[in-house]
Amino acid sequence: MEYQYPIDYSWSTAEIVDVIKFFEAIEKAYESGIERDTIMKAYRRFKEIVPSKAEEKKICGEFEEISGYSSYRTIKKAKEAQSGDTIAMHS
């Protein structure tokens, strides 16, 4: 992709890597589809790093602005899906 992921430089290197993995999982949901459990695991880790709802909205909003991909809609769809389902989003 031709953009930078929204990251907080107070996070550790491992946390930055995990947040990027979460955004890559969102991208994959839009581009080819992703297994529900995979994206939920990435989201749970993201929430460990960004526990605040306000901070989550800010970071995910920045990501949507630069990528066009909605983390909120993707996770909402994943939460409604069953284990083993494929999450495929459409722009």
Protein backbone atom coordinates (compact mmCIF):
# COMPACT_ATOMS: atom_id res chain seq x y z
CA MET A 1 0.00 0.00 0.00
CA GLU A 2 1.03 3.58 -0.58
CA TYR A 3 0.24 4.96 2.85
CA GLN A 4 1.52 4.89 6.41
CA TYR A 5 -0.35 3.18 9.18
CA PRO A 6 -1.48 5.34 12.09
CA ILE A 7 0.78 4.41 14.99
CA ASP A 8 1.64 5.87 18.36
CA TYR A 9 5.38 6.17 18.86
CA SER A 10 4.98 5.54 22.59
CA TRP A 11 4.13 1.91 21.75
CA SER A 12 6.86 -0.72 21.90
CA THR A 13 8.21 -2.18 18.65
CA ALA A 14 6.22 -5.38 19.28
CA GLU A 15 3.03 -3.36 19.82
CA ILE A 16 3.60 -1.39 16.61
CA VAL A 17 4.10 -4.66 14.71
CA ASP A 18 0.87 -6.08 16.18
CA VAL A 19 -1.15 -2.95 15.33
CA ILE A 20 0.16 -3.11 11.76
CA LYS A 21 -0.83 -6.80 11.63
CA PHE A 22 -4.35 -5.77 12.68
CA PHE A 23 -4.58 -3.19 9.88
CA GLU A 24 -3.19 -5.72 7.41
CA ALA A 25 -5.96 -8.11 8.49
CA ILE A 26 -8.54 -5.38 7.77
CA GLU A 27 -6.95 -4.85 4.33
CA LYS A 28 -7.09 -8.58 3.64
CA ALA A 29 -10.82 -8.66 4.51
CA TYR A 30 -11.38 -6.11 1.74
CA GLU A 31 -8.91 -7.46 -0.79
CA SER A 32 -9.34 -11.24 -0.63
CA GLY A 33 -11.24 -12.24 2.51
CA ILE A 34 -9.89 -13.42 5.85
CA GLU A 35 -10.81 -16.15 8.29
CA ARG A 36 -12.98 -14.80 11.11
CA ASP A 37 -10.87 -16.24 13.94
CA THR A 38 -7.69 -14.74 12.43
CA ILE A 39 -9.10 -11.23 12.32
CA MET A 40 -10.65 -11.52 15.79
CA LYS A 41 -7.30 -12.64 17.23
CA ALA A 42 -5.64 -9.60 15.64
CA TYR A 43 -8.42 -7.36 16.99
CA ARG A 44 -8.11 -8.75 20.54
CA ARG A 45 -4.37 -7.98 20.47
CA PHE A 46 -5.09 -4.51 19.07
CA LYS A 47 -7.49 -3.89 21.99
CA GLU A 48 -4.77 -4.89 24.47
CA ILE A 49 -2.60 -2.14 22.97
CA VAL A 50 -5.42 0.38 22.47
CA PRO A 51 -7.95 -0.31 25.25
CA SER A 52 -9.61 3.13 25.06
CA LYS A 53 -12.69 3.33 22.80
CA ALA A 54 -11.90 6.97 22.00
CA GLU A 55 -8.32 6.12 21.00
CA GLU A 56 -9.55 3.14 18.96
CA LYS A 57 -12.02 5.39 17.09
CA LYS A 58 -9.28 7.95 16.43
CA ILE A 59 -6.73 5.43 15.13
CA CYS A 60 -9.24 3.42 13.11
CA GLY A 61 -10.70 6.66 11.72
CA GLU A 62 -7.24 7.73 10.56
CA PHE A 63 -6.73 4.32 8.96
CA GLU A 64 -10.08 4.51 7.15
CA GLU A 65 -9.28 8.02 5.92
CA ILE A 66 -6.02 6.94 4.29
CA SER A 67 -7.03 3.44 3.14
CA GLY A 68 -10.78 3.61 2.56
CA TYR A 69 -11.16 0.45 4.69
CA SER A 70 -13.46 0.49 7.72
CA SER A 71 -12.09 -1.36 10.74
CA TYR A 72 -15.39 -0.77 12.53
CA ARG A 73 -17.58 -2.39 9.85
CA THR A 74 -15.12 -5.25 9.39
CA ILE A 75 -14.98 -6.10 13.11
CA LYS A 76 -18.77 -5.70 13.41
CA LYS A 77 -19.21 -8.23 10.61
CA ALA A 78 -16.63 -10.57 12.18
CA LYS A 79 -18.40 -10.43 15.56
CA GLU A 80 -21.67 -11.42 13.89
CA ALA A 81 -20.03 -14.30 11.99
CA GLN A 82 -19.37 -17.85 13.16
CA SER A 83 -15.98 -19.38 13.89
CA GLY A 84 -14.55 -20.69 10.61
CA ASP A 85 -16.40 -18.16 8.44
CA THR A 86 -14.54 -16.02 5.93
CA ILE A 87 -14.95 -12.27 6.33
CA ALA A 88 -15.04 -10.57 2.93
CA MET A 89 -15.74 -6.86 2.77
CA HIS A 90 -16.60 -4.76 -0.25
CA SER A 91 -15.42 -1.18 -0.71
